[in-house]
């Protein structure tokens, strides 16, 4: 029983630390792509801009999209590349 609990705690700690791991990209991201924004599917939809994603070798453009906020009055805070010592890290977008 003790070994099982120890294994469970170790897995939880390792899983949590992996979630906070950040990849530092030495190459600066390219400028954002100017996209033609299609018509919103409904008045409730919010546009989320596209962004450059690092695939391990190069930046890949992920196109923007219309989404319905998770709650009324939700505001999308866009993700962005943040300059840090040694390169750039991706700060994930989120709802506020």
PDB file of N, CA and C in Angstrom:
ATOM      1  N   UNK A   1       0.833  -1.197   0.000  1.00  0.00           N
ATOM      2  CA  UNK A   1       0.000   0.000   0.000  1.00  0.00           C
ATOM      3  C   UNK A   1       0.873   1.255   0.000  1.00  0.00           C
ATOM      4  N   UNK A   2       1.954   1.217   0.804  1.00  0.00           N
ATOM      5  CA  UNK A   2       2.842   2.367   0.895  1.00  0.00           C
ATOM      6  C   UNK A   2       3.502   2.662  -0.450  1.00  0.00           C
ATOM      7  N   UNK A   3       3.937   1.616  -1.147  1.00  0.00           N
ATOM      8  CA  UNK A   3       4.594   1.779  -2.460  1.00  0.00           C
ATOM      9  C   UNK A   3       3.602   2.364  -3.472  1.00  0.00           C
ATOM     10  N   UNK A   4       2.364   1.902  -3.400  1.00  0.00           N
ATOM     11  CA  UNK A   4       1.348   2.390  -4.329  1.00  0.00           C
ATOM     12  C   UNK A   4       1.101   3.885  -4.119  1.00  0.00           C
ATOM     13  N   UNK A   5       0.999   4.315  -2.853  1.00  0.00           N
ATOM     14  CA  UNK A   5       0.785   5.736  -2.538  1.00  0.00           C
ATOM     15  C   UNK A   5       1.979   6.578  -2.978  1.00  0.00           C
ATOM     16  N   UNK A   6       3.188   6.062  -2.752  1.00  0.00           N
ATOM     17  CA  UNK A   6       4.392   6.780  -3.158  1.00  0.00           C
ATOM     18  C   UNK A   6       4.426   6.953  -4.675  1.00  0.00           C
ATOM     19  N   UNK A   7       4.085   5.896  -5.406  1.00  0.00           N
ATOM     20  CA  UNK A   7       4.042   5.974  -6.867  1.00  0.00           C
ATOM     21  C   UNK A   7       2.994   6.977  -7.332  1.00  0.00           C
ATOM     22  N   UNK A   8       1.856   7.012  -6.674  1.00  0.00           N
ATOM     23  CA  UNK A   8       0.789   7.946  -7.025  1.00  0.00           C
ATOM     24  C   UNK A   8       1.230   9.393  -6.802  1.00  0.00           C
ATOM     25  N   UNK A   9       1.863   9.658  -5.672  1.00  0.00           N
ATOM     26  CA  UNK A   9       2.343  11.013  -5.367  1.00  0.00           C
ATOM     27  C   UNK A   9       3.426  11.422  -6.364  1.00  0.00           C
ATOM     28  N   UNK A  10       4.363  10.528  -6.670  1.00  0.00           N
ATOM     29  CA  UNK A  10       5.441  10.831  -7.618  1.00  0.00           C
ATOM     30  C   UNK A  10       4.872  11.148  -8.998  1.00  0.00           C
ATOM     31  N   UNK A  11       3.876  10.391  -9.429  1.00  0.00           N
ATOM     32  CA  UNK A  11       3.246  10.636 -10.733  1.00  0.00           C
ATOM     33  C   UNK A  11       2.554  11.993 -10.754  1.00  0.00           C
ATOM     34  N   UNK A  12       1.874  12.337  -9.674  1.00  0.00           N
ATOM     35  CA  UNK A  12       1.185  13.634  -9.605  1.00  0.00           C
ATOM     36  C   UNK A  12       2.184  14.785  -9.668  1.00  0.00           C
ATOM     37  N   UNK A  13       3.301  14.656  -8.963  1.00  0.00           N
ATOM     38  CA  UNK A  13       4.310  15.721  -8.970  1.00  0.00           C
ATOM     39  C   UNK A  13       4.942  15.857 -10.345  1.00  0.00           C
ATOM     40  N   UNK A  14       5.314  14.744 -10.965  1.00  0.00           N
ATOM     41  CA  UNK A  14       5.932  14.803 -12.292  1.00  0.00           C
ATOM     42  C   UNK A  14       4.963  15.337 -13.336  1.00  0.00           C
ATOM     43  N   UNK A  15       3.712  14.933 -13.254  1.00  0.00           N
ATOM     44  CA  UNK A  15       2.706  15.431 -14.196  1.00  0.00           C
ATOM     45  C   UNK A  15       2.495  16.924 -14.066  1.00  0.00           C
ATOM     46  N   UNK A  16       2.501  17.436 -12.843  1.00  0.00           N
ATOM     47  CA  UNK A  16       2.323  18.865 -12.605  1.00  0.00           C
ATOM     48  C   UNK A  16       3.519  19.646 -13.117  1.00  0.00           C
ATOM     49  N   UNK A  17       4.723  19.163 -12.862  1.00  0.00           N
ATOM     50  CA  UNK A  17       5.908  19.891 -13.312  1.00  0.00           C
ATOM     51  C   UNK A  17       5.998  19.905 -14.829  1.00  0.00           C
ATOM     52  N   UNK A  18       5.562  18.835 -15.497  1.00  0.00           N
ATOM     53  CA  UNK A  18       5.584  18.804 -16.960  1.00  0.00           C
ATOM     54  C   UNK A  18       4.612  19.829 -17.543  1.00  0.00           C
ATOM     55  N   UNK A  19       3.503  20.077 -16.849  1.00  0.00           N
ATOM     56  CA  UNK A  19       2.518  21.039 -17.337  1.00  0.00           C
ATOM     57  C   UNK A  19       3.081  22.455 -17.332  1.00  0.00           C
ATOM     58  N   UNK A  20       4.049  22.733 -16.452  1.00  0.00           N
ATOM     59  CA  UNK A  20       4.624  24.066 -16.361  1.00  0.00           C
ATOM     60  C   UNK A  20       5.918  24.207 -17.148  1.00  0.00           C
ATOM     61  N   UNK A  21       6.357  23.168 -17.820  1.00  0.00           N
ATOM     62  CA  UNK A  21       7.589  23.231 -18.604  1.00  0.00           C
ATOM     63  C   UNK A  21       7.409  24.218 -19.755  1.00  0.00           C
ATOM     64  N   UNK A  22       8.419  25.029 -19.986  1.00  0.00           N
ATOM     65  CA  UNK A  22       8.369  26.001 -21.074  1.00  0.00           C
ATOM     66  C   UNK A  22       9.505  25.722 -22.044  1.00  0.00           C
ATOM     67  N   UNK A  23       9.201  25.811 -23.312  1.00  0.00           N
ATOM     68  CA  UNK A  23      10.205  25.631 -24.339  1.00  0.00           C
ATOM     69  C   UNK A  23      10.681  27.003 -24.758  1.00  0.00           C
ATOM     70  N   UNK A  24      11.984  27.203 -24.750  1.00  0.00           N
ATOM     71  CA  UNK A  24      12.564  28.467 -25.186  1.00  0.00           C
ATOM     72  C   UNK A  24      13.003  28.299 -26.634  1.00  0.00           C
ATOM     73  N   UNK A  25      12.480  29.159 -27.506  1.00  0.00           N
ATOM     74  CA  UNK A  25      12.808  29.130 -28.931  1.00  0.00           C
ATOM     75  C   UNK A  25      13.798  30.257 -29.194  1.00  0.00           C
ATOM     76  N   UNK A  26      14.933  29.936 -29.758  1.00  0.00           N
ATOM     77  CA  UNK A  26      15.977  30.941 -29.981  1.00  0.00           C
ATOM     78  C   UNK A  26      15.686  31.864 -31.162  1.00  0.00           C
ATOM     79  N   UNK A  27      14.836  31.413 -32.080  1.00  0.00           N
ATOM     80  CA  UNK A  27      14.509  32.189 -33.276  1.00  0.00           C
ATOM     81  C   UNK A  27      13.278  33.058 -32.998  1.00  0.00           C
ATOM     82  N   UNK A  28      13.361  34.342 -33.328  1.00  0.00           N
ATOM     83  CA  UNK A  28      12.225  35.249 -33.122  1.00  0.00           C
ATOM     84  C   UNK A  28      11.051  34.831 -34.007  1.00  0.00           C
ATOM     85  N   UNK A  29       9.823  34.966 -33.491  1.00  0.00           N
ATOM     86  CA  UNK A  29       8.661  34.624 -34.316  1.00  0.00           C
ATOM     87  C   UNK A  29       8.495  35.630 -35.450  1.00  0.00           C
ATOM     88  N   UNK A  30       7.964  35.173 -36.586  1.00  0.00           N
ATOM     89  CA  UNK A  30       7.695  36.103 -37.687  1.00  0.00           C
ATOM     90  C   UNK A  30       6.517  37.001 -37.343  1.00  0.00           C
ATOM     91  N   UNK A  31       6.328  38.066 -38.116  1.00  0.00           N
ATOM     92  CA  UNK A  31       5.166  38.925 -37.864  1.00  0.00           C
ATOM     93  C   UNK A  31       3.866  38.144 -38.086  1.00  0.00           C
ATOM     94  N   UNK A  32       2.792  38.537 -37.399  1.00  0.00           N
ATOM     95  CA  UNK A  32       1.509  37.840 -37.589  1.00  0.00           C
ATOM     96  C   UNK A  32       1.032  37.937 -39.036  1.00  0.00           C
ATOM     97  N   UNK A  33       0.329  36.926 -39.475  1.00  0.00           N
ATOM     98  CA  UNK A  33      -0.263  36.906 -40.809  1.00  0.00           C
ATOM     99  C   UNK A  33      -1.550  37.727 -40.754  1.00  0.00           C
ATOM    100  N   UNK A  34      -1.760  38.571 -41.752  1.00  0.00           N
ATOM    101  CA  UNK A  34      -3.005  39.344 -41.818  1.00  0.00           C
ATOM    102  C   UNK A  34      -4.043  38.447 -42.481  1.00  0.00           C
ATOM    103  N   UNK A  35      -5.067  38.103 -41.720  1.00  0.00           N
ATOM    104  CA  UNK A  35      -6.092  37.186 -42.210  1.00  0.00           C
ATOM    105  C   UNK A  35      -7.372  37.931 -42.562  1.00  0.00           C
ATOM    106  N   UNK A  36      -8.065  37.445 -43.579  1.00  0.00           N
ATOM    107  CA  UNK A  36      -9.403  37.950 -43.873  1.00  0.00           C
ATOM    108  C   UNK A  36     -10.343  37.279 -42.882  1.00  0.00           C
ATOM    109  N   UNK A  37     -11.014  38.075 -42.075  1.00  0.00           N
ATOM    110  CA  UNK A  37     -11.914  37.536 -41.051  1.00  0.00           C
ATOM    111  C   UNK A  37     -13.269  37.241 -41.694  1.00  0.00           C
ATOM    112  N   UNK A  38     -13.685  35.966 -41.695  1.00  0.00           N
ATOM    113  CA  UNK A  38     -15.000  35.653 -42.264  1.00  0.00           C
ATOM    114  C   UNK A  38     -16.129  36.211 -41.392  1.00  0.00           C
ATOM    115  N   UNK A  39     -17.324  36.201 -41.931  1.00  0.00           N
ATOM    116  CA  UNK A  39     -18.491  36.698 -41.197  1.00  0.00           C
ATOM    117  C   UNK A  39     -18.732  35.806 -39.986  1.00  0.00           C
ATOM    118  N   UNK A  40     -19.058  36.438 -38.862  1.00  0.00           N
ATOM    119  CA  UNK A  40     -19.314  35.694 -37.623  1.00  0.00           C
ATOM    120  C   UNK A  40     -20.532  34.789 -37.790  1.00  0.00           C
ATOM    121  N   UNK A  41     -20.446  33.550 -37.274  1.00  0.00           N
ATOM    122  CA  UNK A  41     -21.592  32.644 -37.380  1.00  0.00           C
ATOM    123  C   UNK A  41     -22.808  33.130 -36.595  1.00  0.00           C
ATOM    124  N   UNK A  42     -22.568  33.916 -35.530  1.00  0.00           N
ATOM    125  CA  UNK A  42     -23.675  34.464 -34.737  1.00  0.00           C
ATOM    126  C   UNK A  42     -23.154  35.673 -33.968  1.00  0.00           C
ATOM    127  N   UNK A  43     -24.039  36.496 -33.416  1.00  0.00           N
ATOM    128  CA  UNK A  43     -23.591  37.648 -32.624  1.00  0.00           C
ATOM    129  C   UNK A  43     -22.853  37.247 -31.345  1.00  0.00           C
ATOM    130  N   UNK A  44     -23.041  36.014 -30.893  1.00  0.00           N
ATOM    131  CA  UNK A  44     -22.378  35.555 -29.673  1.00  0.00           C
ATOM    132  C   UNK A  44     -20.920  35.173 -29.892  1.00  0.00           C
ATOM    133  N   UNK A  45     -20.539  34.909 -31.129  1.00  0.00           N
ATOM    134  CA  UNK A  45     -19.176  34.461 -31.417  1.00  0.00           C
ATOM    135  C   UNK A  45     -18.157  35.590 -31.265  1.00  0.00           C
ATOM    136  N   UNK A  46     -16.946  35.204 -30.824  1.00  0.00           N
ATOM    137  CA  UNK A  46     -15.817  36.124 -30.653  1.00  0.00           C
ATOM    138  C   UNK A  46     -14.677  35.627 -31.535  1.00  0.00           C
ATOM    139  N   UNK A  47     -14.012  36.556 -32.221  1.00  0.00           N
ATOM    140  CA  UNK A  47     -12.885  36.183 -33.076  1.00  0.00           C
ATOM    141  C   UNK A  47     -11.622  36.025 -32.245  1.00  0.00           C
ATOM    142  N   UNK A  48     -10.928  34.907 -32.446  1.00  0.00           N
ATOM    143  CA  UNK A  48      -9.626  34.668 -31.823  1.00  0.00           C
ATOM    144  C   UNK A  48      -8.599  34.688 -32.949  1.00  0.00           C
ATOM    145  N   UNK A  49      -7.670  35.642 -32.875  1.00  0.00           N
ATOM    146  CA  UNK A  49      -6.656  35.788 -33.917  1.00  0.00           C
ATOM    147  C   UNK A  49      -5.767  34.554 -34.023  1.00  0.00           C
ATOM    148  N   UNK A  50      -5.227  34.364 -35.215  1.00  0.00           N
ATOM    149  CA  UNK A  50      -4.271  33.287 -35.436  1.00  0.00           C
ATOM    150  C   UNK A  50      -2.937  33.618 -34.780  1.00  0.00           C
ATOM    151  N   UNK A  51      -2.050  32.653 -34.761  1.00  0.00           N
ATOM    152  CA  UNK A  51      -0.745  32.832 -34.129  1.00  0.00           C
ATOM    153  C   UNK A  51       0.268  31.872 -34.746  1.00  0.00           C
ATOM    154  N   UNK A  52       1.534  32.165 -34.538  1.00  0.00           N
ATOM    155  CA  UNK A  52       2.593  31.266 -34.975  1.00  0.00           C
ATOM    156  C   UNK A  52       2.909  30.281 -33.862  1.00  0.00           C
ATOM    157  N   UNK A  53       2.843  29.007 -34.176  1.00  0.00           N
ATOM    158  CA  UNK A  53       3.150  27.922 -33.236  1.00  0.00           C
ATOM    159  C   UNK A  53       4.515  27.353 -33.602  1.00  0.00           C
ATOM    160  N   UNK A  54       5.322  27.025 -32.601  1.00  0.00           N
ATOM    161  CA  UNK A  54       6.622  26.394 -32.845  1.00  0.00           C
ATOM    162  C   UNK A  54       6.408  24.889 -32.888  1.00  0.00           C
ATOM    163  N   UNK A  55       6.822  24.230 -33.986  1.00  0.00           N
ATOM    164  CA  UNK A  55       6.607  22.783 -34.105  1.00  0.00           C
ATOM    165  C   UNK A  55       7.848  21.958 -33.753  1.00  0.00           C
ATOM    166  N   UNK A  56       8.858  22.627 -33.202  1.00  0.00           N
ATOM    167  CA  UNK A  56      10.094  21.942 -32.854  1.00  0.00           C
ATOM    168  C   UNK A  56      11.213  22.211 -33.838  1.00  0.00           C
ATOM    169  N   UNK A  57      10.833  22.689 -35.046  1.00  0.00           N
ATOM    170  CA  UNK A  57      11.816  22.983 -36.087  1.00  0.00           C
ATOM    171  C   UNK A  57      11.617  24.358 -36.714  1.00  0.00           C
ATOM    172  N   UNK A  58      10.371  24.782 -36.751  1.00  0.00           N
ATOM    173  CA  UNK A  58      10.041  26.059 -37.399  1.00  0.00           C
ATOM    174  C   UNK A  58       8.691  26.554 -36.886  1.00  0.00           C
ATOM    175  N   UNK A  59       8.377  27.807 -37.217  1.00  0.00           N
ATOM    176  CA  UNK A  59       7.070  28.365 -36.867  1.00  0.00           C
ATOM    177  C   UNK A  59       6.042  27.950 -37.915  1.00  0.00           C
ATOM    178  N   UNK A  60       4.851  27.619 -37.444  1.00  0.00           N
ATOM    179  CA  UNK A  60       3.739  27.228 -38.307  1.00  0.00           C
ATOM    180  C   UNK A  60       2.557  28.114 -37.945  1.00  0.00           C
ATOM    181  N   UNK A  61       1.900  28.684 -38.954  1.00  0.00           N
ATOM    182  CA  UNK A  61       0.748  29.555 -38.704  1.00  0.00           C
ATOM    183  C   UNK A  61      -0.493  28.729 -38.372  1.00  0.00           C
ATOM    184  N   UNK A  62      -1.156  29.104 -37.280  1.00  0.00           N
ATOM    185  CA  UNK A  62      -2.440  28.518 -36.889  1.00  0.00           C
ATOM    186  C   UNK A  62      -3.481  29.608 -37.126  1.00  0.00           C
ATOM    187  N   UNK A  63      -4.410  29.359 -38.040  1.00  0.00           N
ATOM    188  CA  UNK A  63      -5.378  30.369 -38.432  1.00  0.00           C
ATOM    189  C   UNK A  63      -6.348  30.758 -37.318  1.00  0.00           C
ATOM    190  N   UNK A  64      -6.847  31.984 -37.411  1.00  0.00           N
ATOM    191  CA  UNK A  64      -7.832  32.478 -36.454  1.00  0.00           C
ATOM    192  C   UNK A  64      -9.154  31.748 -36.607  1.00  0.00           C
ATOM    193  N   UNK A  65     -10.042  31.941 -35.627  1.00  0.00           N
ATOM    194  CA  UNK A  65     -11.318  31.233 -35.660  1.00  0.00           C
ATOM    195  C   UNK A  65     -12.358  31.960 -34.809  1.00  0.00           C
ATOM    196  N   UNK A  66     -13.608  31.675 -35.107  1.00  0.00           N
ATOM    197  CA  UNK A  66     -14.722  32.179 -34.310  1.00  0.00           C
ATOM    198  C   UNK A  66     -15.050  31.161 -33.224  1.00  0.00           C
ATOM    199  N   UNK A  67     -15.252  31.623 -32.002  1.00  0.00           N
ATOM    200  CA  UNK A  67     -15.643  30.734 -30.898  1.00  0.00           C
ATOM    201  C   UNK A  67     -16.704  31.419 -30.050  1.00  0.00           C
ATOM    202  N   UNK A  68     -17.451  30.625 -29.319  1.00  0.00           N
ATOM    203  CA  UNK A  68     -18.418  31.167 -28.365  1.00  0.00           C
ATOM    204  C   UNK A  68     -17.726  31.194 -27.001  1.00  0.00           C
ATOM    205  N   UNK A  69     -17.707  32.343 -26.332  1.00  0.00           N
ATOM    206  CA  UNK A  69     -17.063  32.417 -25.013  1.00  0.00           C
ATOM    207  C   UNK A  69     -17.670  31.407 -24.041  1.00  0.00           C
ATOM    208  N   UNK A  70     -16.874  30.932 -23.082  1.00  0.00           N
ATOM    209  CA  UNK A  70     -17.373  29.943 -22.127  1.00  0.00           C
ATOM    210  C   UNK A  70     -18.420  30.501 -21.166  1.00  0.00           C
ATOM    211  N   UNK A  71     -18.494  31.817 -21.072  1.00  0.00           N
ATOM    212  CA  UNK A  71     -19.498  32.453 -20.198  1.00  0.00           C
ATOM    213  C   UNK A  71     -19.830  33.829 -20.765  1.00  0.00           C
ATOM    214  N   UNK A  72     -20.984  34.342 -20.421  1.00  0.00           N
ATOM    215  CA  UNK A  72     -21.425  35.659 -20.887  1.00  0.00           C
ATOM    216  C   UNK A  72     -20.428  36.725 -20.426  1.00  0.00           C
ATOM    217  N   UNK A  73     -20.030  37.589 -21.335  1.00  0.00           N
ATOM    218  CA  UNK A  73     -19.096  38.668 -21.017  1.00  0.00           C
ATOM    219  C   UNK A  73     -17.639  38.241 -20.990  1.00  0.00           C
ATOM    220  N   UNK A  74     -17.353  36.980 -21.356  1.00  0.00           N
ATOM    221  CA  UNK A  74     -15.964  36.507 -21.374  1.00  0.00           C
ATOM    222  C   UNK A  74     -15.134  37.292 -22.384  1.00  0.00           C
ATOM    223  N   UNK A  75     -13.917  37.619 -22.010  1.00  0.00           N
ATOM    224  CA  UNK A  75     -13.007  38.370 -22.877  1.00  0.00           C
ATOM    225  C   UNK A  75     -11.791  37.497 -23.168  1.00  0.00           C
ATOM    226  N   UNK A  76     -11.435  37.357 -24.440  1.00  0.00           N
ATOM    227  CA  UNK A  76     -10.287  36.561 -24.838  1.00  0.00           C
ATOM    228  C   UNK A  76      -9.017  37.394 -24.702  1.00  0.00           C
ATOM    229  N   UNK A  77      -8.041  36.889 -23.952  1.00  0.00           N
ATOM    230  CA  UNK A  77      -6.722  37.505 -23.837  1.00  0.00           C
ATOM    231  C   UNK A  77      -5.826  36.692 -24.766  1.00  0.00           C
ATOM    232  N   UNK A  78      -5.352  37.297 -25.865  1.00  0.00           N
ATOM    233  CA  UNK A  78      -4.602  36.529 -26.857  1.00  0.00           C
ATOM    234  C   UNK A  78      -3.260  36.020 -26.328  1.00  0.00           C
ATOM    235  N   UNK A  79      -2.852  34.871 -26.855  1.00  0.00           N
ATOM    236  CA  UNK A  79      -1.526  34.349 -26.565  1.00  0.00           C
ATOM    237  C   UNK A  79      -0.486  35.206 -27.283  1.00  0.00           C
ATOM    238  N   UNK A  80       0.742  35.126 -26.819  1.00  0.00           N
ATOM    239  CA  UNK A  80       1.809  35.909 -27.463  1.00  0.00           C
ATOM    240  C   UNK A  80       3.175  35.317 -27.142  1.00  0.00           C
ATOM    241  N   UNK A  81       4.135  35.637 -27.985  1.00  0.00           N
ATOM    242  CA  UNK A  81       5.514  35.238 -27.751  1.00  0.00           C
ATOM    243  C   UNK A  81       6.167  36.305 -26.898  1.00  0.00           C
ATOM    244  N   UNK A  82       6.805  35.866 -25.811  1.00  0.00           N
ATOM    245  CA  UNK A  82       7.436  36.778 -24.859  1.00  0.00           C
ATOM    246  C   UNK A  82       8.949  36.581 -24.910  1.00  0.00           C
ATOM    247  N   UNK A  83       9.677  37.682 -25.068  1.00  0.00           N
ATOM    248  CA  UNK A  83      11.145  37.602 -25.121  1.00  0.00           C
ATOM    249  C   UNK A  83      11.667  37.348 -23.718  1.00  0.00           C
ATOM    250  N   UNK A  84      12.521  36.351 -23.598  1.00  0.00           N
ATOM    251  CA  UNK A  84      13.162  35.979 -22.332  1.00  0.00           C
ATOM    252  C   UNK A  84      14.650  35.795 -22.589  1.00  0.00           C
ATOM    253  N   UNK A  85      15.454  35.702 -21.528  1.00  0.00           N
ATOM    254  CA  UNK A  85      16.875  35.424 -21.743  1.00  0.00           C
ATOM    255  C   UNK A  85      17.048  34.124 -22.544  1.00  0.00           C
ATOM    256  N   UNK A  86      17.751  34.203 -23.630  1.00  0.00           N
ATOM    257  CA  UNK A  86      18.011  33.016 -24.456  1.00  0.00           C
ATOM    258  C   UNK A  86      17.004  32.766 -25.545  1.00  0.00           C
ATOM    259  N   UNK A  87      15.923  33.555 -25.640  1.00  0.00           N
ATOM    260  CA  UNK A  87      14.963  33.336 -26.711  1.00  0.00           C
ATOM    261  C   UNK A  87      13.566  33.813 -26.391  1.00  0.00           C
ATOM    262  N   UNK A  88      12.583  33.058 -26.866  1.00  0.00           N
ATOM    263  CA  UNK A  88      11.173  33.422 -26.757  1.00  0.00           C
ATOM    264  C   UNK A  88      10.387  32.245 -26.192  1.00  0.00           C
ATOM    265  N   UNK A  89       9.386  32.547 -25.360  1.00  0.00           N
ATOM    266  CA  UNK A  89       8.475  31.513 -24.874  1.00  0.00           C
ATOM    267  C   UNK A  89       7.045  31.903 -25.247  1.00  0.00           C
ATOM    268  N   UNK A  90       6.210  30.910 -25.428  1.00  0.00           N
ATOM    269  CA  UNK A  90       4.808  31.133 -25.780  1.00  0.00           C
ATOM    270  C   UNK A  90       3.983  31.270 -24.506  1.00  0.00           C
ATOM    271  N   UNK A  91       3.245  32.371 -24.410  1.00  0.00           N
ATOM    272  CA  UNK A  91       2.301  32.601 -23.321  1.00  0.00           C
ATOM    273  C   UNK A  91       0.925  32.285 -23.887  1.00  0.00           C
ATOM    274  N   UNK A  92       0.296  31.257 -23.367  1.00  0.00           N
ATOM    275  CA  UNK A  92      -0.983  30.772 -23.876  1.00  0.00           C
ATOM    276  C   UNK A  92      -2.103  31.804 -23.703  1.00  0.00           C
ATOM    277  N   UNK A  93      -2.967  31.923 -24.703  1.00  0.00           N
ATOM    278  CA  UNK A  93      -4.148  32.769 -24.587  1.00  0.00           C
ATOM    279  C   UNK A  93      -5.141  32.143 -23.611  1.00  0.00           C
ATOM    280  N   UNK A  94      -6.040  32.984 -23.063  1.00  0.00           N
ATOM    281  CA  UNK A  94      -7.008  32.479 -22.087  1.00  0.00           C
ATOM    282  C   UNK A  94      -8.216  33.407 -21.995  1.00  0.00           C
ATOM    283  N   UNK A  95      -9.272  32.909 -21.399  1.00  0.00           N
ATOM    284  CA  UNK A  95     -10.486  33.695 -21.171  1.00  0.00           C
ATOM    285  C   UNK A  95     -10.423  34.381 -19.830  1.00  0.00           C
ATOM    286  N   UNK A  96     -10.876  35.618 -19.796  1.00  0.00           N
ATOM    287  CA  UNK A  96     -10.972  36.359 -18.529  1.00  0.00           C
ATOM    288  C   UNK A  96     -12.412  36.728 -18.311  1.00  0.00           C
TER     289      UNK A  96
END
